[in-house]
N, C-alpha and C. Protein backbone atom coordinates (compact mmCIF):
# COMPACT_ATOMS: atom_id res chain seq x y z
N MET A 1 -38.29 18.56 -15.06
CA MET A 1 -39.12 19.74 -15.14
C MET A 1 -40.05 19.75 -13.92
N HIS A 2 -40.30 20.92 -13.45
CA HIS A 2 -41.31 21.08 -12.42
C HIS A 2 -42.16 22.30 -12.76
N ARG A 3 -43.29 22.43 -12.09
CA ARG A 3 -44.21 23.51 -12.45
C ARG A 3 -44.12 24.61 -11.40
N CYS A 4 -44.15 25.81 -11.92
CA CYS A 4 -44.19 26.98 -11.05
C CYS A 4 -45.32 27.86 -11.57
N HIS A 5 -46.34 28.07 -10.80
CA HIS A 5 -47.51 28.85 -11.20
C HIS A 5 -48.09 28.31 -12.50
N GLY A 6 -48.14 26.97 -12.63
CA GLY A 6 -48.76 26.33 -13.77
C GLY A 6 -47.90 26.20 -15.00
N ARG A 7 -46.73 26.86 -15.05
CA ARG A 7 -45.86 26.77 -16.23
C ARG A 7 -44.73 25.78 -15.96
N PRO A 8 -44.41 24.92 -16.95
CA PRO A 8 -43.27 24.02 -16.75
C PRO A 8 -41.97 24.81 -16.75
N ARG A 9 -41.10 24.50 -15.82
CA ARG A 9 -39.78 25.13 -15.74
C ARG A 9 -38.74 24.03 -15.57
N PRO A 10 -37.55 24.26 -16.10
CA PRO A 10 -36.50 23.28 -15.86
C PRO A 10 -36.12 23.29 -14.38
N PHE A 11 -35.55 22.17 -13.93
CA PHE A 11 -35.06 22.13 -12.55
C PHE A 11 -34.07 23.26 -12.37
N SER A 12 -33.99 23.77 -11.19
CA SER A 12 -33.06 24.87 -10.96
C SER A 12 -32.24 24.59 -9.72
N ALA A 13 -31.14 25.25 -9.67
CA ALA A 13 -30.27 25.16 -8.51
C ALA A 13 -30.24 26.53 -7.85
N MET A 14 -30.44 26.55 -6.57
CA MET A 14 -30.41 27.81 -5.85
C MET A 14 -29.17 27.84 -4.99
N MET A 15 -28.52 28.97 -4.99
CA MET A 15 -27.32 29.13 -4.19
C MET A 15 -27.42 30.45 -3.45
N TYR A 16 -26.95 30.46 -2.24
CA TYR A 16 -26.87 31.70 -1.48
C TYR A 16 -25.42 32.17 -1.51
N ARG A 17 -25.24 33.47 -1.68
CA ARG A 17 -23.91 34.05 -1.61
C ARG A 17 -23.93 35.09 -0.51
N HIS A 18 -22.88 35.12 0.22
CA HIS A 18 -22.74 36.08 1.32
C HIS A 18 -21.52 36.97 1.04
N ASP A 19 -21.58 37.72 -0.03
CA ASP A 19 -20.46 38.59 -0.40
C ASP A 19 -20.73 40.01 0.08
N LEU A 20 -19.71 40.63 0.56
CA LEU A 20 -19.76 42.04 0.97
C LEU A 20 -20.90 42.32 1.94
N GLY A 21 -21.17 41.38 2.79
CA GLY A 21 -22.17 41.57 3.82
C GLY A 21 -23.60 41.48 3.36
N ALA A 22 -23.84 41.16 2.10
CA ALA A 22 -25.21 41.06 1.60
C ALA A 22 -25.51 39.60 1.29
N GLU A 23 -26.74 39.22 1.47
CA GLU A 23 -27.14 37.86 1.14
C GLU A 23 -27.90 37.90 -0.17
N ILE A 24 -27.43 37.14 -1.14
CA ILE A 24 -28.04 37.15 -2.47
C ILE A 24 -28.47 35.73 -2.79
N LEU A 25 -29.68 35.57 -3.27
CA LEU A 25 -30.17 34.27 -3.72
C LEU A 25 -30.05 34.23 -5.23
N MET A 26 -29.28 33.26 -5.72
CA MET A 26 -29.10 33.12 -7.16
C MET A 26 -29.76 31.82 -7.58
N GLU A 27 -30.34 31.83 -8.76
CA GLU A 27 -30.97 30.64 -9.29
C GLU A 27 -30.56 30.49 -10.74
N HIS A 28 -30.17 29.25 -11.11
CA HIS A 28 -29.91 29.01 -12.53
C HIS A 28 -30.55 27.68 -12.91
N ALA A 29 -31.00 27.65 -14.15
CA ALA A 29 -31.72 26.48 -14.63
C ALA A 29 -30.77 25.34 -14.94
N LEU A 30 -31.21 24.13 -14.64
CA LEU A 30 -30.48 22.92 -14.98
C LEU A 30 -31.34 22.10 -15.91
N SER A 31 -30.78 21.70 -17.01
CA SER A 31 -31.54 20.86 -17.93
C SER A 31 -31.68 19.47 -17.31
N PRO A 32 -32.68 18.69 -17.75
CA PRO A 32 -32.81 17.33 -17.23
C PRO A 32 -31.52 16.52 -17.42
N ARG A 33 -30.82 16.74 -18.54
CA ARG A 33 -29.58 15.99 -18.79
C ARG A 33 -28.50 16.39 -17.79
N SER A 34 -28.31 17.71 -17.57
CA SER A 34 -27.27 18.13 -16.63
C SER A 34 -27.63 17.72 -15.21
N THR A 35 -28.93 17.71 -14.88
CA THR A 35 -29.35 17.24 -13.57
C THR A 35 -28.98 15.77 -13.40
N ARG A 36 -29.24 14.97 -14.41
CA ARG A 36 -28.91 13.54 -14.37
C ARG A 36 -27.40 13.35 -14.22
N VAL A 37 -26.61 14.11 -14.97
CA VAL A 37 -25.15 14.03 -14.89
C VAL A 37 -24.68 14.38 -13.48
N HIS A 38 -25.25 15.45 -12.92
CA HIS A 38 -24.86 15.85 -11.56
C HIS A 38 -25.23 14.78 -10.54
N MET A 39 -26.40 14.16 -10.71
CA MET A 39 -26.83 13.12 -9.77
C MET A 39 -25.93 11.90 -9.87
N ILE A 40 -25.56 11.50 -11.09
CA ILE A 40 -24.68 10.34 -11.27
C ILE A 40 -23.30 10.64 -10.69
N ALA A 41 -22.77 11.82 -10.99
CA ALA A 41 -21.45 12.20 -10.47
C ALA A 41 -21.46 12.24 -8.95
N GLY A 42 -22.52 12.79 -8.38
CA GLY A 42 -22.64 12.84 -6.93
C GLY A 42 -22.72 11.45 -6.32
N GLY A 43 -23.46 10.56 -6.97
CA GLY A 43 -23.57 9.18 -6.48
C GLY A 43 -22.24 8.46 -6.54
N LEU A 44 -21.50 8.65 -7.63
CA LEU A 44 -20.18 8.01 -7.74
C LEU A 44 -19.23 8.56 -6.69
N LEU A 45 -19.25 9.86 -6.48
CA LEU A 45 -18.39 10.45 -5.47
C LEU A 45 -18.73 9.91 -4.08
N ALA A 46 -20.00 9.81 -3.77
CA ALA A 46 -20.41 9.26 -2.48
C ALA A 46 -19.96 7.81 -2.33
N ALA A 47 -20.07 7.02 -3.39
CA ALA A 47 -19.65 5.62 -3.33
C ALA A 47 -18.16 5.51 -3.08
N ILE A 48 -17.37 6.36 -3.74
CA ILE A 48 -15.92 6.32 -3.54
C ILE A 48 -15.57 6.71 -2.11
N ILE A 49 -16.21 7.75 -1.60
CA ILE A 49 -15.91 8.22 -0.25
C ILE A 49 -16.35 7.21 0.80
N LEU A 50 -17.50 6.61 0.61
CA LEU A 50 -18.07 5.73 1.63
C LEU A 50 -17.64 4.27 1.52
N TRP A 51 -17.08 3.86 0.40
CA TRP A 51 -16.68 2.46 0.21
C TRP A 51 -15.58 2.13 1.21
N PRO A 52 -15.74 1.07 2.02
CA PRO A 52 -14.72 0.76 3.01
C PRO A 52 -13.41 0.39 2.33
N ASN A 53 -12.34 1.04 2.76
CA ASN A 53 -10.99 0.79 2.26
C ASN A 53 -10.87 0.97 0.76
N ALA A 54 -11.65 1.86 0.20
CA ALA A 54 -11.57 2.08 -1.25
C ALA A 54 -10.16 2.51 -1.62
N GLY A 55 -9.55 1.76 -2.51
CA GLY A 55 -8.22 2.10 -2.95
C GLY A 55 -7.13 1.80 -1.95
N ALA A 56 -7.50 1.34 -0.78
CA ALA A 56 -6.50 1.06 0.24
C ALA A 56 -5.89 -0.31 0.00
N ALA A 57 -4.63 -0.38 0.23
CA ALA A 57 -3.93 -1.66 0.12
C ALA A 57 -2.92 -1.70 1.25
N GLU A 58 -2.77 -2.85 1.83
CA GLU A 58 -1.85 -3.00 2.95
C GLU A 58 -0.79 -4.02 2.61
N GLY A 59 0.39 -3.79 3.10
CA GLY A 59 1.49 -4.74 2.93
C GLY A 59 2.14 -5.01 4.27
N ALA A 60 2.88 -6.10 4.34
CA ALA A 60 3.60 -6.45 5.57
C ALA A 60 4.82 -7.29 5.23
N LEU A 61 5.81 -7.21 6.10
CA LEU A 61 7.04 -7.99 5.97
C LEU A 61 7.29 -8.69 7.29
N ALA A 62 7.49 -10.01 7.23
CA ALA A 62 7.84 -10.79 8.42
C ALA A 62 9.22 -11.40 8.20
N VAL A 63 10.01 -11.44 9.27
CA VAL A 63 11.38 -11.95 9.17
C VAL A 63 11.68 -12.84 10.36
N GLY A 64 12.35 -13.96 10.08
CA GLY A 64 12.92 -14.82 11.12
C GLY A 64 14.42 -14.66 11.04
N LEU A 65 15.01 -13.94 11.98
CA LEU A 65 16.42 -13.57 11.90
C LEU A 65 17.19 -14.12 13.10
N PRO A 66 17.94 -15.19 12.91
CA PRO A 66 18.75 -15.74 14.00
C PRO A 66 20.01 -14.90 14.21
N SER A 67 20.73 -15.16 15.28
CA SER A 67 21.95 -14.40 15.55
C SER A 67 23.05 -14.72 14.55
N ASP A 68 23.03 -15.90 13.96
CA ASP A 68 24.06 -16.30 12.98
C ASP A 68 23.38 -16.71 11.67
N VAL A 69 23.20 -15.75 10.77
CA VAL A 69 22.53 -16.00 9.50
C VAL A 69 23.33 -16.99 8.65
N ALA A 70 24.66 -16.90 8.69
CA ALA A 70 25.49 -17.81 7.89
C ALA A 70 25.25 -19.26 8.31
N LYS A 71 25.05 -19.48 9.59
CA LYS A 71 24.84 -20.84 10.11
C LYS A 71 23.38 -21.29 10.01
N ASP A 72 22.46 -20.39 10.38
CA ASP A 72 21.05 -20.77 10.52
C ASP A 72 20.12 -20.23 9.44
N GLY A 73 20.65 -19.48 8.49
CA GLY A 73 19.82 -18.95 7.41
C GLY A 73 18.90 -17.84 7.90
N VAL A 74 17.95 -17.48 7.07
CA VAL A 74 16.97 -16.46 7.38
C VAL A 74 15.64 -16.88 6.75
N ALA A 75 14.55 -16.52 7.38
CA ALA A 75 13.22 -16.80 6.83
C ALA A 75 12.52 -15.47 6.61
N MET A 76 11.81 -15.36 5.50
CA MET A 76 11.10 -14.12 5.20
C MET A 76 9.76 -14.41 4.55
N GLY A 77 8.82 -13.55 4.82
CA GLY A 77 7.52 -13.61 4.17
C GLY A 77 7.03 -12.19 3.98
N TRP A 78 6.48 -11.91 2.84
CA TRP A 78 5.97 -10.58 2.55
C TRP A 78 4.67 -10.69 1.78
N VAL A 79 3.89 -9.64 1.88
CA VAL A 79 2.62 -9.59 1.15
C VAL A 79 2.34 -8.13 0.81
N ILE A 80 1.72 -7.92 -0.35
CA ILE A 80 1.28 -6.58 -0.74
C ILE A 80 -0.19 -6.66 -1.16
N ASN A 81 -0.82 -5.52 -1.18
CA ASN A 81 -2.20 -5.38 -1.67
C ASN A 81 -3.22 -6.23 -0.90
N SER A 82 -3.02 -6.38 0.39
CA SER A 82 -4.02 -7.06 1.22
C SER A 82 -5.16 -6.10 1.52
N ALA A 83 -6.29 -6.66 1.86
CA ALA A 83 -7.48 -5.84 2.12
C ALA A 83 -7.33 -4.95 3.35
N ASN A 84 -6.58 -5.43 4.36
CA ASN A 84 -6.41 -4.64 5.58
C ASN A 84 -5.11 -5.05 6.27
N GLU A 85 -4.73 -4.29 7.28
CA GLU A 85 -3.47 -4.55 7.97
C GLU A 85 -3.46 -5.91 8.65
N GLY A 86 -4.57 -6.30 9.24
CA GLY A 86 -4.63 -7.59 9.92
C GLY A 86 -4.36 -8.75 8.99
N SER A 87 -4.99 -8.73 7.81
CA SER A 87 -4.76 -9.82 6.87
C SER A 87 -3.35 -9.76 6.30
N ALA A 88 -2.80 -8.56 6.12
CA ALA A 88 -1.41 -8.43 5.64
C ALA A 88 -0.45 -9.04 6.65
N ARG A 89 -0.63 -8.72 7.92
CA ARG A 89 0.23 -9.28 8.98
C ARG A 89 0.13 -10.80 9.01
N ALA A 90 -1.09 -11.31 8.98
CA ALA A 90 -1.29 -12.76 9.07
C ALA A 90 -0.65 -13.48 7.89
N LYS A 91 -0.83 -12.96 6.68
CA LYS A 91 -0.28 -13.62 5.49
C LYS A 91 1.25 -13.57 5.48
N ALA A 92 1.82 -12.40 5.80
CA ALA A 92 3.28 -12.28 5.82
C ALA A 92 3.88 -13.25 6.83
N LEU A 93 3.27 -13.35 8.01
CA LEU A 93 3.76 -14.27 9.03
C LEU A 93 3.61 -15.72 8.56
N GLU A 94 2.49 -16.03 7.93
CA GLU A 94 2.27 -17.38 7.40
C GLU A 94 3.35 -17.74 6.37
N PHE A 95 3.63 -16.82 5.45
CA PHE A 95 4.65 -17.08 4.42
C PHE A 95 6.03 -17.25 5.05
N CYS A 96 6.33 -16.46 6.07
CA CYS A 96 7.62 -16.58 6.75
C CYS A 96 7.74 -17.94 7.44
N LEU A 97 6.69 -18.34 8.12
CA LEU A 97 6.69 -19.63 8.83
C LEU A 97 6.78 -20.81 7.86
N ASP A 98 6.34 -20.62 6.62
CA ASP A 98 6.38 -21.67 5.60
C ASP A 98 7.62 -21.59 4.70
N PHE A 99 8.55 -20.71 5.01
CA PHE A 99 9.75 -20.50 4.19
C PHE A 99 10.64 -21.75 4.27
N LYS A 100 10.54 -22.61 3.28
CA LYS A 100 11.17 -23.94 3.32
C LYS A 100 12.70 -23.92 3.29
N GLU A 101 13.31 -22.85 2.77
CA GLU A 101 14.76 -22.81 2.67
C GLU A 101 15.44 -22.60 4.02
N ALA A 102 14.68 -22.26 5.05
CA ALA A 102 15.25 -22.03 6.38
C ALA A 102 14.88 -23.18 7.31
N PRO A 103 15.76 -23.49 8.26
CA PRO A 103 15.43 -24.55 9.23
C PRO A 103 14.27 -24.13 10.14
N ALA A 104 13.64 -25.11 10.74
CA ALA A 104 12.49 -24.86 11.62
C ALA A 104 12.84 -23.89 12.75
N SER A 105 14.05 -23.99 13.28
CA SER A 105 14.45 -23.10 14.38
C SER A 105 14.48 -21.63 13.93
N THR A 106 14.84 -21.39 12.70
CA THR A 106 14.85 -20.03 12.16
C THR A 106 13.43 -19.57 11.85
N ARG A 107 12.62 -20.43 11.28
CA ARG A 107 11.22 -20.08 10.99
C ARG A 107 10.46 -19.77 12.27
N ALA A 108 10.83 -20.42 13.36
CA ALA A 108 10.16 -20.16 14.64
C ALA A 108 10.40 -18.73 15.13
N LEU A 109 11.42 -18.08 14.62
CA LEU A 109 11.74 -16.70 15.00
C LEU A 109 10.95 -15.65 14.21
N CYS A 110 10.15 -16.10 13.26
CA CYS A 110 9.42 -15.16 12.40
C CYS A 110 8.52 -14.23 13.19
N LYS A 111 8.60 -12.96 12.84
CA LYS A 111 7.69 -11.95 13.39
C LYS A 111 7.53 -10.85 12.36
N VAL A 112 6.41 -10.18 12.40
CA VAL A 112 6.17 -9.07 11.49
C VAL A 112 7.05 -7.91 11.94
N VAL A 113 7.91 -7.44 11.04
CA VAL A 113 8.81 -6.34 11.37
C VAL A 113 8.27 -4.99 10.93
N GLN A 114 7.37 -5.00 9.93
CA GLN A 114 6.81 -3.73 9.48
C GLN A 114 5.59 -3.95 8.61
N THR A 115 4.63 -3.05 8.75
CA THR A 115 3.49 -3.00 7.83
C THR A 115 3.63 -1.70 7.03
N PHE A 116 2.98 -1.66 5.89
CA PHE A 116 3.11 -0.48 5.05
C PHE A 116 1.91 -0.35 4.13
N ARG A 117 1.72 0.85 3.63
CA ARG A 117 0.64 1.14 2.69
C ARG A 117 1.20 2.05 1.60
N ASN A 118 0.95 1.66 0.36
CA ASN A 118 1.41 2.45 -0.79
C ASN A 118 2.91 2.70 -0.76
N GLU A 119 3.66 1.68 -0.36
CA GLU A 119 5.12 1.74 -0.36
C GLU A 119 5.65 0.48 -1.01
N CYS A 120 6.96 0.43 -1.14
CA CYS A 120 7.60 -0.70 -1.80
C CYS A 120 8.47 -1.47 -0.82
N VAL A 121 8.53 -2.78 -1.02
CA VAL A 121 9.39 -3.64 -0.21
C VAL A 121 10.45 -4.25 -1.13
N ALA A 122 11.66 -4.34 -0.62
CA ALA A 122 12.74 -4.97 -1.37
C ALA A 122 13.55 -5.84 -0.41
N ILE A 123 13.99 -6.97 -0.92
CA ILE A 123 14.84 -7.89 -0.16
C ILE A 123 16.07 -8.16 -1.01
N ALA A 124 17.24 -8.05 -0.38
CA ALA A 124 18.49 -8.35 -1.07
C ALA A 124 19.25 -9.36 -0.22
N LEU A 125 19.91 -10.28 -0.91
CA LEU A 125 20.70 -11.27 -0.17
C LEU A 125 21.79 -11.87 -1.04
N ASP A 126 22.71 -12.51 -0.36
CA ASP A 126 23.73 -13.32 -1.03
C ASP A 126 23.09 -14.70 -1.15
N PRO A 127 22.82 -15.17 -2.36
CA PRO A 127 22.07 -16.42 -2.53
C PRO A 127 22.84 -17.69 -2.15
N GLU A 128 24.12 -17.59 -1.91
CA GLU A 128 24.91 -18.76 -1.54
C GLU A 128 24.58 -19.18 -0.11
N ALA A 129 24.28 -20.45 0.08
CA ALA A 129 24.01 -20.97 1.43
C ALA A 129 25.25 -20.79 2.30
N GLY A 130 25.02 -20.52 3.57
CA GLY A 130 26.12 -20.39 4.51
C GLY A 130 26.81 -19.03 4.47
N THR A 131 26.13 -18.04 3.91
CA THR A 131 26.69 -16.68 3.88
C THR A 131 25.77 -15.74 4.64
N PRO A 132 26.33 -14.67 5.23
CA PRO A 132 25.52 -13.82 6.10
C PRO A 132 24.80 -12.65 5.42
N GLY A 133 25.04 -12.40 4.15
CA GLY A 133 24.49 -11.21 3.51
C GLY A 133 22.99 -11.24 3.34
N VAL A 134 22.31 -10.33 4.03
CA VAL A 134 20.86 -10.21 3.90
C VAL A 134 20.45 -8.79 4.29
N GLY A 135 19.47 -8.27 3.57
CA GLY A 135 18.95 -6.95 3.89
C GLY A 135 17.56 -6.77 3.33
N TRP A 136 16.80 -5.89 3.92
CA TRP A 136 15.46 -5.59 3.44
C TRP A 136 15.17 -4.13 3.72
N ALA A 137 14.21 -3.61 3.00
CA ALA A 137 13.82 -2.21 3.20
C ALA A 137 12.41 -1.99 2.69
N ILE A 138 11.76 -1.01 3.27
CA ILE A 138 10.45 -0.55 2.82
C ILE A 138 10.59 0.95 2.62
N ALA A 139 10.22 1.42 1.44
CA ALA A 139 10.38 2.84 1.11
C ALA A 139 9.27 3.28 0.16
N VAL A 140 9.18 4.57 -0.04
CA VAL A 140 8.15 5.15 -0.89
C VAL A 140 8.32 4.73 -2.35
N SER A 141 9.55 4.60 -2.81
CA SER A 141 9.77 4.19 -4.20
C SER A 141 10.50 2.86 -4.25
N MET A 142 10.32 2.15 -5.37
CA MET A 142 10.99 0.87 -5.56
C MET A 142 12.51 1.07 -5.59
N GLN A 143 12.96 2.10 -6.26
CA GLN A 143 14.39 2.35 -6.36
C GLN A 143 15.01 2.56 -4.98
N THR A 144 14.37 3.35 -4.14
CA THR A 144 14.88 3.60 -2.79
C THR A 144 14.88 2.33 -1.96
N ALA A 145 13.80 1.55 -2.04
CA ALA A 145 13.73 0.29 -1.30
C ALA A 145 14.85 -0.65 -1.73
N GLU A 146 15.08 -0.75 -3.03
CA GLU A 146 16.15 -1.62 -3.53
C GLU A 146 17.52 -1.15 -3.07
N GLN A 147 17.76 0.16 -3.13
CA GLN A 147 19.05 0.70 -2.69
C GLN A 147 19.29 0.44 -1.21
N GLU A 148 18.27 0.64 -0.39
CA GLU A 148 18.41 0.43 1.04
C GLU A 148 18.59 -1.04 1.38
N ALA A 149 17.87 -1.92 0.69
CA ALA A 149 18.03 -3.36 0.91
C ALA A 149 19.44 -3.81 0.52
N MET A 150 19.93 -3.31 -0.61
CA MET A 150 21.30 -3.64 -1.05
C MET A 150 22.33 -3.14 -0.05
N ALA A 151 22.15 -1.93 0.46
CA ALA A 151 23.08 -1.38 1.44
C ALA A 151 23.13 -2.25 2.69
N ALA A 152 21.97 -2.73 3.13
CA ALA A 152 21.93 -3.61 4.31
C ALA A 152 22.61 -4.94 4.01
N CYS A 153 22.40 -5.48 2.82
CA CYS A 153 23.05 -6.74 2.44
C CYS A 153 24.57 -6.56 2.41
N LEU A 154 25.02 -5.49 1.79
CA LEU A 154 26.46 -5.23 1.71
C LEU A 154 27.08 -5.08 3.09
N ALA A 155 26.34 -4.46 4.01
CA ALA A 155 26.85 -4.25 5.37
C ALA A 155 26.98 -5.55 6.15
N THR A 156 26.18 -6.55 5.81
CA THR A 156 26.21 -7.82 6.56
C THR A 156 26.95 -8.93 5.84
N ALA A 157 27.25 -8.75 4.57
CA ALA A 157 27.83 -9.83 3.75
C ALA A 157 29.28 -10.14 4.06
N GLY A 158 30.01 -9.18 4.54
CA GLY A 158 31.46 -9.37 4.68
C GLY A 158 32.13 -8.97 3.38
N ARG A 159 33.34 -8.46 3.49
CA ARG A 159 34.05 -7.90 2.34
C ARG A 159 34.16 -8.88 1.17
N ASP A 160 34.45 -10.13 1.43
CA ASP A 160 34.65 -11.10 0.35
C ASP A 160 33.35 -11.56 -0.32
N ARG A 161 32.17 -11.26 0.27
CA ARG A 161 30.89 -11.71 -0.31
C ARG A 161 30.01 -10.55 -0.79
N GLN A 162 30.44 -9.33 -0.62
CA GLN A 162 29.61 -8.18 -1.00
C GLN A 162 29.20 -8.21 -2.47
N LYS A 163 30.08 -8.62 -3.34
CA LYS A 163 29.78 -8.61 -4.78
C LYS A 163 28.67 -9.58 -5.16
N PHE A 164 28.30 -10.48 -4.25
CA PHE A 164 27.26 -11.46 -4.54
C PHE A 164 25.86 -11.02 -4.10
N CYS A 165 25.78 -9.94 -3.33
CA CYS A 165 24.47 -9.43 -2.91
C CYS A 165 23.67 -9.02 -4.14
N LYS A 166 22.40 -9.40 -4.14
CA LYS A 166 21.51 -8.97 -5.22
C LYS A 166 20.09 -8.86 -4.70
N VAL A 167 19.33 -7.98 -5.32
CA VAL A 167 17.92 -7.81 -4.95
C VAL A 167 17.16 -9.01 -5.50
N THR A 168 16.46 -9.71 -4.63
CA THR A 168 15.71 -10.89 -5.04
C THR A 168 14.20 -10.65 -5.05
N VAL A 169 13.75 -9.65 -4.30
CA VAL A 169 12.33 -9.29 -4.25
C VAL A 169 12.24 -7.78 -4.32
N SER A 170 11.33 -7.30 -5.14
CA SER A 170 11.10 -5.86 -5.24
C SER A 170 9.67 -5.66 -5.74
N ARG A 171 8.77 -5.27 -4.84
CA ARG A 171 7.36 -5.12 -5.17
C ARG A 171 6.80 -3.88 -4.49
N CYS A 172 5.80 -3.30 -5.11
CA CYS A 172 5.15 -2.12 -4.54
C CYS A 172 3.69 -2.41 -4.21
N ASP A 173 3.26 -1.91 -3.08
CA ASP A 173 1.90 -2.09 -2.59
C ASP A 173 1.02 -0.96 -3.10
N GLY A 174 -0.16 -1.31 -3.59
CA GLY A 174 -1.13 -0.30 -3.97
C GLY A 174 -0.75 0.53 -5.17
N LYS A 175 0.22 0.09 -5.94
CA LYS A 175 0.67 0.89 -7.09
C LYS A 175 0.52 0.12 -8.36
């Protein structure tokens, strides 16, 4: 409440309208409760807008891919929901370099191949050692990422090993 000419009045909101070339000043009363609700809502909206990386999530995929996957294996590292792109890149590379199933020479080839936000990563491979089938994909939906990763695995597996390709990783960032 505030006073106008000695009488208590509820808080009011004033708005200017510029319709049809005329300027009109409109005023409507706000109760203390609705004023409080508006202030809280405004504060929450400001916090959401100004919060650094609010709702943001970053992902990255790192791969160590030698010329002969059947002989030298493959190393991979991925991360989702990191605070920022830099930490996503660093973690994915770290996981790739620590991929114990691949020899050191293959892990040394690790590099970040893609970063992403609010997308899905999928990895498909032939789990049998000494086989070339491997594929990965990043896409807007998990289903699309899985399909694309499988297609890449099938393309590299060779006709006699295609039936063994399977999706081994399928995760979505920020979802």
